[in-house]
Amino acid sequence: MSESNPASERVTEETSENPSARELALAVDIGGTKMAVGLVTRKGEMIDRDIIRTDRDKNANDLFDSLAVIVRRQVERAGERHGGRVVVCGVGSAGPIEPDCATVSPLNIPAWRRFPLREAIAGIVGVPVHGDLDAKAFALAEGWLGAAKGHSNYLAMVVSTGVGGGVVVDGRLMDGASGNAGHVGHVIVNPDGHRCGCGARGCLEAEASGSAIEAITGRPATEPSYETMQRTGRMVGRAVASMCNFFDLPLTVVGGSVALGFGPTFFNAAQEVIDAHCRLDFSRGARIVPARLGDRSPIVGAGAVAWRGHNRRWASTPDEAVEPFGGSESDVLSPPG
């Protein structure tokens, strides 16, 4: 991260010089394989996006400098291409994180350990920055516009390079003591199984993520055997069944390149395990379904984090800041007024 940022003042000035322009959220997604920055309208439409590869050979500051290039580019495009102005920024990052992405320590990005991501981005964009786990952002997106729309209790999961999740109970996205609730990738599904990056053995992430599949099979997750697809589905089904039994969840929405790439073979195997393990009256019939937003979900999710934070910031009372429009997270994303 550069100590000086000559473009920072220019970018901030450009986004505020036209107060009548339509308001846009800058959305930042941080993943172990790629980073993306885009623009999201108040209705959840992704209107622009840049993607770069996450270069794990770079040090912390150089890696952020690469991200900063596309952050500045998207802020400029907001006005030049779309006649808008960025009023808020949302970040969805692989975890663990500290609240609001004050610092991030993604397991798949070794260079970033307690990296001050929120402050670094705020120094460029000059607008409020709100952050959350990438999988929790995904949960917001799917509840807002995707496969969980209209549901108040569900689990949303991403099965990709890593495995993450977000849990919505009674219309509220669970945060936990440190903001890291929903780390379903570290539910133990295979006791004494493979070693996970967190240090434990048998975590879902160590058995079913793209990185784990390649380590276990010697083949990339893009070239799976039928047995690999089935096994991955079964492992995810074990974790999902535990979550459904524990939290009383009737629905799980799953996205990510591994899950969606493996398709019906993965989902059928997972559903069979869920049916076998969810035997209580309240959990029987729990379903697992594919995400609907496809590759838009990370940016739409980060946009959802941005708009939720923006709406809460401008709420007129503390109670309204928590549940301003009836108590569901999708309501929180509605424009105030």
Protein backbone atom coordinates (compact mmCIF):
# COMPACT_ATOMS: atom_id res chain seq x y z
CA MET A 1 0.00 0.00 0.00
CA SER A 2 1.60 3.25 -1.05
CA GLU A 3 2.19 5.81 1.67
CA SER A 4 1.06 8.60 -0.66
CA ASN A 5 -1.92 8.43 -2.96
CA PRO A 6 -2.00 11.35 -5.40
CA ALA A 7 -5.15 9.99 -7.06
CA SER A 8 -7.11 9.90 -3.80
CA GLU A 9 -8.11 13.57 -3.71
CA ARG A 10 -8.99 13.56 -7.39
CA VAL A 11 -11.22 10.50 -7.09
CA THR A 12 -13.04 11.90 -4.04
CA GLU A 13 -13.62 15.22 -5.79
CA GLU A 14 -15.02 13.58 -8.92
CA THR A 15 -17.56 11.52 -6.98
CA SER A 16 -18.95 14.51 -5.08
CA GLU A 17 -19.03 17.25 -7.71
CA ASN A 18 -22.44 16.23 -9.09
CA PRO A 19 -24.87 15.69 -6.22
CA SER A 20 -27.80 15.19 -8.63
CA ALA A 21 -26.18 12.10 -10.23
CA ARG A 22 -27.72 8.74 -9.38
CA GLU A 23 -26.25 7.14 -6.30
CA LEU A 24 -24.10 4.03 -6.71
CA ALA A 25 -22.37 1.63 -4.36
CA LEU A 26 -18.78 0.62 -4.98
CA ALA A 27 -18.58 -3.14 -4.34
CA VAL A 28 -15.29 -4.90 -3.52
CA ASP A 29 -14.94 -8.69 -3.39
CA ILE A 30 -11.78 -10.26 -1.94
CA GLY A 31 -11.17 -13.94 -2.69
CA GLY A 32 -8.27 -16.33 -2.62
CA THR A 33 -8.20 -16.70 -6.41
CA LYS A 34 -9.45 -13.32 -7.63
CA MET A 35 -10.44 -9.85 -6.54
CA ALA A 36 -13.28 -7.92 -8.13
CA VAL A 37 -14.59 -4.36 -7.92
CA GLY A 38 -17.88 -3.22 -9.41
CA LEU A 39 -20.76 -0.77 -9.25
CA VAL A 40 -24.19 -1.67 -7.88
CA THR A 41 -27.38 0.37 -8.05
CA ARG A 42 -29.92 0.67 -5.24
CA LYS A 43 -31.99 -2.01 -6.96
CA GLY A 44 -29.10 -4.48 -6.91
CA GLU A 45 -28.14 -4.18 -10.57
CA MET A 46 -24.44 -4.69 -11.26
CA ILE A 47 -23.61 -2.17 -13.98
CA ASP A 48 -19.82 -2.48 -14.16
CA ARG A 49 -17.02 -4.74 -12.94
CA ASP A 50 -13.26 -5.27 -13.05
CA ILE A 51 -11.55 -8.52 -12.01
CA ILE A 52 -7.91 -9.27 -11.27
CA ARG A 53 -6.11 -12.40 -10.15
CA THR A 54 -5.07 -12.58 -6.51
CA ASP A 55 -1.29 -12.75 -6.80
CA ARG A 56 -0.17 -14.67 -3.74
CA ASP A 57 3.49 -13.97 -4.53
CA LYS A 58 3.07 -10.26 -3.78
CA ASN A 59 3.60 -8.73 -0.38
CA ALA A 60 0.72 -7.08 1.49
CA ASN A 61 1.22 -3.55 0.19
CA ASP A 62 1.87 -4.54 -3.43
CA LEU A 63 -1.22 -6.73 -3.42
CA PHE A 64 -3.33 -3.82 -2.20
CA ASP A 65 -1.81 -1.54 -4.82
CA SER A 66 -3.09 -3.93 -7.50
CA LEU A 67 -6.56 -3.77 -5.98
CA ALA A 68 -6.37 0.01 -5.71
CA VAL A 69 -5.95 0.33 -9.48
CA ILE A 70 -9.35 -1.21 -10.21
CA VAL A 71 -10.97 0.58 -7.25
CA ARG A 72 -9.98 3.95 -8.75
CA ARG A 73 -11.03 2.81 -12.22
CA GLN A 74 -14.52 1.85 -11.06
CA VAL A 75 -15.00 5.12 -9.17
CA GLU A 76 -14.08 7.02 -12.32
CA ARG A 77 -16.41 4.91 -14.46
CA ALA A 78 -19.30 5.67 -12.13
CA GLY A 79 -19.37 9.21 -13.49
CA GLU A 80 -17.80 8.85 -16.92
CA ARG A 81 -19.76 5.81 -18.12
CA HIS A 82 -22.84 5.68 -15.93
CA GLY A 83 -23.67 9.27 -14.97
CA GLY A 84 -23.55 8.38 -11.30
CA ARG A 85 -21.54 9.00 -8.16
CA VAL A 86 -20.26 6.58 -5.56
CA VAL A 87 -21.81 7.37 -2.17
CA VAL A 88 -20.84 4.26 -0.23
CA CYS A 89 -18.50 1.27 -0.49
CA GLY A 90 -19.12 -2.32 0.55
CA VAL A 91 -16.50 -5.04 0.98
CA GLY A 92 -16.99 -8.79 1.07
CA SER A 93 -13.79 -10.54 2.11
CA ALA A 94 -12.70 -14.08 2.74
CA GLY A 95 -12.05 -14.50 6.45
CA PRO A 96 -11.36 -14.37 9.22
CA ILE A 97 -12.06 -10.65 9.56
CA GLU A 98 -12.41 -8.10 12.31
CA PRO A 99 -15.78 -6.28 12.45
CA ASP A 100 -16.61 -4.26 9.34
CA CYS A 101 -13.40 -5.53 7.68
CA ALA A 102 -11.34 -3.22 9.87
CA THR A 103 -8.68 -5.87 9.32
CA VAL A 104 -8.79 -9.02 7.20
CA SER A 105 -6.78 -12.24 7.42
CA PRO A 106 -7.98 -14.50 4.57
CA LEU A 107 -6.61 -18.01 5.02
CA ASN A 108 -5.93 -18.23 1.28
CA ILE A 109 -4.04 -14.90 1.14
CA PRO A 110 -1.01 -15.39 3.42
CA ALA A 111 0.35 -11.88 2.79
CA TRP A 112 -2.68 -10.31 4.47
CA ARG A 113 -2.67 -10.96 8.20
CA ARG A 114 -4.73 -8.35 10.06
CA PHE A 115 -4.40 -6.15 6.99
CA PRO A 116 -6.24 -2.81 7.55
CA LEU A 117 -8.43 -3.15 4.47
CA ARG A 118 -11.28 -0.79 5.41
CA GLU A 119 -8.94 2.10 6.19
CA ALA A 120 -6.90 1.46 3.06
CA ILE A 121 -9.94 1.54 0.78
CA ALA A 122 -11.47 4.53 2.58
CA GLY A 123 -8.27 6.44 1.91
CA ILE A 124 -8.89 6.06 -1.82
CA VAL A 125 -12.62 6.47 -2.21
CA GLY A 126 -13.42 9.08 0.43
CA VAL A 127 -16.87 7.63 1.24
CA PRO A 128 -18.04 5.41 4.14
CA VAL A 129 -16.80 1.82 3.83
CA HIS A 130 -18.74 -1.12 5.28
CA GLY A 131 -17.43 -4.69 5.27
CA ASP A 132 -18.37 -8.26 6.03
CA LEU A 133 -17.36 -11.82 5.20
CA ASP A 134 -17.73 -12.63 1.52
CA ALA A 135 -20.06 -15.54 2.22
CA LYS A 136 -22.25 -13.39 4.47
CA ALA A 137 -22.40 -10.85 1.66
CA PHE A 138 -23.44 -13.72 -0.62
CA ALA A 139 -26.20 -14.58 1.86
CA LEU A 140 -27.48 -11.00 1.68
CA ALA A 141 -27.44 -11.07 -2.12
CA GLU A 142 -29.34 -14.34 -2.43
CA GLY A 143 -31.90 -13.17 0.14
CA TRP A 144 -32.30 -9.83 -1.63
CA LEU A 145 -32.57 -10.97 -5.25
CA GLY A 146 -31.75 -14.68 -5.49
CA ALA A 147 -32.85 -18.16 -4.50
CA ALA A 148 -33.59 -17.21 -0.86
CA LYS A 149 -35.77 -14.21 -1.71
CA GLY A 150 -38.84 -14.25 0.51
CA HIS A 151 -37.28 -16.60 3.06
CA SER A 152 -36.51 -15.56 6.64
CA ASN A 153 -34.48 -18.63 7.70
CA TYR A 154 -31.75 -20.05 5.49
CA LEU A 155 -28.10 -20.93 5.10
CA ALA A 156 -26.14 -19.55 2.16
CA MET A 157 -22.85 -21.22 1.23
CA VAL A 158 -20.06 -20.69 -1.24
CA VAL A 159 -18.10 -23.81 -2.26
CA SER A 160 -15.20 -22.57 -4.34
CA THR A 161 -11.47 -22.15 -3.65
CA GLY A 162 -12.55 -22.16 0.00
CA VAL A 163 -15.86 -22.76 1.74
CA GLY A 164 -17.82 -20.09 3.59
CA GLY A 165 -21.35 -19.39 4.70
CA GLY A 166 -23.87 -16.96 6.10
CA VAL A 167 -26.77 -17.87 8.38
CA VAL A 168 -30.06 -15.94 8.36
CA VAL A 169 -32.41 -16.60 11.29
CA ASP A 170 -35.73 -14.79 11.71
CA GLY A 171 -34.75 -12.44 8.90
CA ARG A 172 -31.46 -11.40 10.49
CA LEU A 173 -27.99 -12.20 9.23
CA MET A 174 -26.05 -13.63 12.17
CA ASP A 175 -22.81 -11.83 13.05
CA GLY A 176 -21.43 -13.50 16.18
CA ALA A 177 -19.08 -11.97 18.73
CA SER A 178 -16.42 -10.95 16.19
CA GLY A 179 -18.46 -10.80 12.97
CA ASN A 180 -17.27 -14.23 11.84
CA ALA A 181 -20.48 -16.25 12.31
CA GLY A 182 -21.22 -18.64 9.46
CA HIS A 183 -17.79 -20.24 8.98
CA VAL A 184 -19.45 -23.47 7.86
CA GLY A 185 -16.22 -24.41 6.10
CA HIS A 186 -14.85 -25.29 9.53
CA VAL A 187 -17.64 -27.65 10.54
CA ILE A 188 -15.97 -31.05 11.04
CA VAL A 189 -17.34 -33.51 8.47
CA ASN A 190 -14.58 -36.14 8.51
CA PRO A 191 -13.00 -36.67 11.93
CA ASP A 192 -9.28 -37.37 11.59
CA GLY A 193 -9.54 -36.32 7.95
CA HIS A 194 -7.27 -33.99 6.00
CA ARG A 195 -5.46 -31.11 7.67
CA CYS A 196 -7.15 -27.74 7.18
CA GLY A 197 -5.45 -24.38 6.79
CA CYS A 198 -6.94 -23.42 10.16
CA GLY A 199 -4.93 -26.20 11.83
CA ALA A 200 -7.76 -28.66 12.53
CA ARG A 201 -8.47 -31.93 10.71
CA GLY A 202 -11.56 -32.89 8.78
CA CYS A 203 -13.05 -29.41 8.24
CA LEU A 204 -15.44 -29.14 5.31
CA GLU A 205 -13.01 -26.74 3.65
CA ALA A 206 -10.25 -29.38 3.90
CA GLU A 207 -12.49 -32.00 2.29
CA ALA A 208 -14.67 -30.20 -0.26
CA SER A 209 -13.08 -26.91 -1.39
CA GLY A 210 -11.45 -26.53 -4.77
CA SER A 211 -8.03 -26.36 -3.15
CA ALA A 212 -8.73 -29.51 -1.12
CA ILE A 213 -10.05 -31.44 -4.10
CA GLU A 214 -6.85 -30.79 -6.02
CA ALA A 215 -4.71 -31.75 -3.01
CA ILE A 216 -6.68 -34.96 -2.41
CA THR A 217 -7.12 -36.15 -6.00
CA GLY A 218 -4.12 -34.63 -7.77
CA ARG A 219 -6.51 -33.12 -10.33
CA PRO A 220 -7.94 -29.59 -10.47
CA ALA A 221 -11.55 -29.15 -9.42
CA THR A 222 -12.34 -28.25 -13.03
CA GLU A 223 -11.56 -31.86 -14.03
CA PRO A 224 -13.47 -33.93 -11.45
CA SER A 225 -14.35 -37.58 -11.61
CA TYR A 226 -17.92 -38.66 -10.94
CA GLU A 227 -16.85 -40.01 -7.55
CA THR A 228 -15.21 -36.68 -6.66
CA MET A 229 -18.42 -34.81 -7.43
CA GLN A 230 -20.45 -37.25 -5.36
CA ARG A 231 -18.03 -37.22 -2.43
CA THR A 232 -17.93 -33.43 -2.40
CA GLY A 233 -21.72 -33.31 -2.36
CA ARG A 234 -21.87 -35.81 0.49
CA MET A 235 -19.40 -33.82 2.58
CA VAL A 236 -21.35 -30.62 2.04
CA GLY A 237 -24.56 -32.49 2.85
CA ARG A 238 -23.13 -33.51 6.24
CA ALA A 239 -22.32 -29.93 7.16
CA VAL A 240 -25.64 -28.62 5.88
CA ALA A 241 -27.61 -31.24 7.81
CA SER A 242 -25.86 -30.23 11.03
CA MET A 243 -26.59 -26.55 10.40
CA CYS A 244 -30.25 -27.24 9.55
CA ASN A 245 -30.73 -29.30 12.70
CA PHE A 246 -28.96 -26.74 14.86
CA PHE A 247 -30.55 -23.55 13.54
CA ASP A 248 -33.94 -24.87 12.33
CA LEU A 249 -33.28 -23.95 8.70
CA PRO A 250 -35.50 -25.27 5.90
CA LEU A 251 -33.37 -23.96 3.02
CA THR A 252 -29.71 -23.89 1.98
CA VAL A 253 -28.56 -21.95 -1.08
CA VAL A 254 -25.18 -22.91 -2.50
CA GLY A 255 -23.02 -21.07 -5.01
CA GLY A 256 -19.36 -21.06 -5.97
CA SER A 257 -17.44 -22.54 -8.87
CA VAL A 258 -17.12 -26.02 -7.36
CA ALA A 259 -20.78 -26.49 -6.40
CA LEU A 260 -22.22 -24.94 -9.54
CA GLY A 261 -19.60 -26.59 -11.74
CA PHE A 262 -20.37 -30.04 -10.36
CA GLY A 263 -24.06 -29.40 -10.94
CA PRO A 264 -26.83 -31.97 -10.35
CA THR A 265 -24.41 -34.74 -9.31
CA PHE A 266 -23.22 -32.57 -6.42
CA PHE A 267 -26.67 -31.33 -5.40
CA ASN A 268 -28.32 -34.76 -5.59
CA ALA A 269 -25.58 -36.32 -3.42
CA ALA A 270 -25.87 -33.49 -0.88
CA GLN A 271 -29.66 -33.77 -0.76
CA GLU A 272 -29.50 -37.53 -0.13
CA VAL A 273 -27.28 -36.96 2.91
CA ILE A 274 -29.49 -34.14 4.19
CA ASP A 275 -32.56 -36.35 3.87
CA ALA A 276 -30.79 -39.09 5.83
CA HIS A 277 -29.52 -36.82 8.61
CA CYS A 278 -32.36 -34.32 9.04
CA ARG A 279 -34.84 -36.59 10.81
CA LEU A 280 -36.37 -34.25 13.37
CA ASP A 281 -39.90 -33.04 12.71
CA PHE A 282 -38.74 -29.45 12.16
CA SER A 283 -35.75 -30.26 9.95
CA ARG A 284 -37.23 -33.05 7.86
CA GLY A 285 -37.69 -31.79 4.30
CA ALA A 286 -34.78 -29.32 4.40
CA ARG A 287 -33.70 -28.48 0.85
CA ILE A 288 -30.43 -27.56 -0.84
CA VAL A 289 -30.65 -25.52 -4.06
CA PRO A 290 -28.25 -23.74 -6.44
CA ALA A 291 -27.73 -20.00 -6.13
CA ARG A 292 -29.49 -17.89 -8.76
CA LEU A 293 -27.20 -14.90 -9.14
CA GLY A 294 -24.31 -16.82 -10.70
CA ASP A 295 -21.04 -14.93 -10.99
CA ARG A 296 -22.78 -11.65 -10.13
CA SER A 297 -23.30 -12.72 -6.52
CA PRO A 298 -19.94 -11.54 -5.06
CA ILE A 299 -20.36 -8.01 -6.40
CA VAL A 300 -24.11 -7.83 -5.70
CA GLY A 301 -23.37 -9.15 -2.21
CA ALA A 302 -20.71 -6.53 -1.52
CA GLY A 303 -23.16 -3.97 -2.87
CA ALA A 304 -25.76 -5.28 -0.43
CA VAL A 305 -23.29 -4.79 2.43
CA ALA A 306 -22.76 -1.23 1.23
CA TRP A 307 -26.45 -0.31 0.96
CA ARG A 308 -27.31 -1.98 4.27
CA GLY A 309 -24.59 0.04 6.01
CA HIS A 310 -25.67 3.22 4.20
CA ASN A 311 -29.32 2.81 5.19
CA ARG A 312 -28.45 2.03 8.80
CA ARG A 313 -26.14 5.03 8.94
CA TRP A 314 -28.95 7.36 7.90
CA ALA A 315 -31.68 5.75 10.01
CA SER A 316 -33.38 8.28 12.27
CA THR A 317 -33.41 6.14 15.45
CA PRO A 318 -31.24 3.35 16.91
CA ASP A 319 -34.14 0.89 16.57
CA GLU A 320 -34.65 1.85 12.95
CA ALA A 321 -30.93 1.38 12.34
CA VAL A 322 -31.29 -2.26 13.37
CA GLU A 323 -34.57 -3.14 11.67
CA PRO A 324 -35.72 -0.11 9.72
CA PHE A 325 -38.28 -1.68 7.41
CA GLY A 326 -39.97 -4.57 9.15
CA GLY A 327 -37.14 -6.71 10.40
CA SER A 328 -35.67 -8.63 7.47
CA GLU A 329 -32.26 -8.16 5.91
CA SER A 330 -33.84 -7.74 2.45
CA ASP A 331 -35.92 -4.87 3.90
CA VAL A 332 -32.78 -3.21 5.22
CA LEU A 333 -31.61 -2.92 1.63
CA SER A 334 -34.62 -0.88 0.55
CA PRO A 335 -33.99 2.84 0.01
CA PRO A 336 -35.03 4.99 2.97
CA GLY A 337 -38.05 7.20 2.46
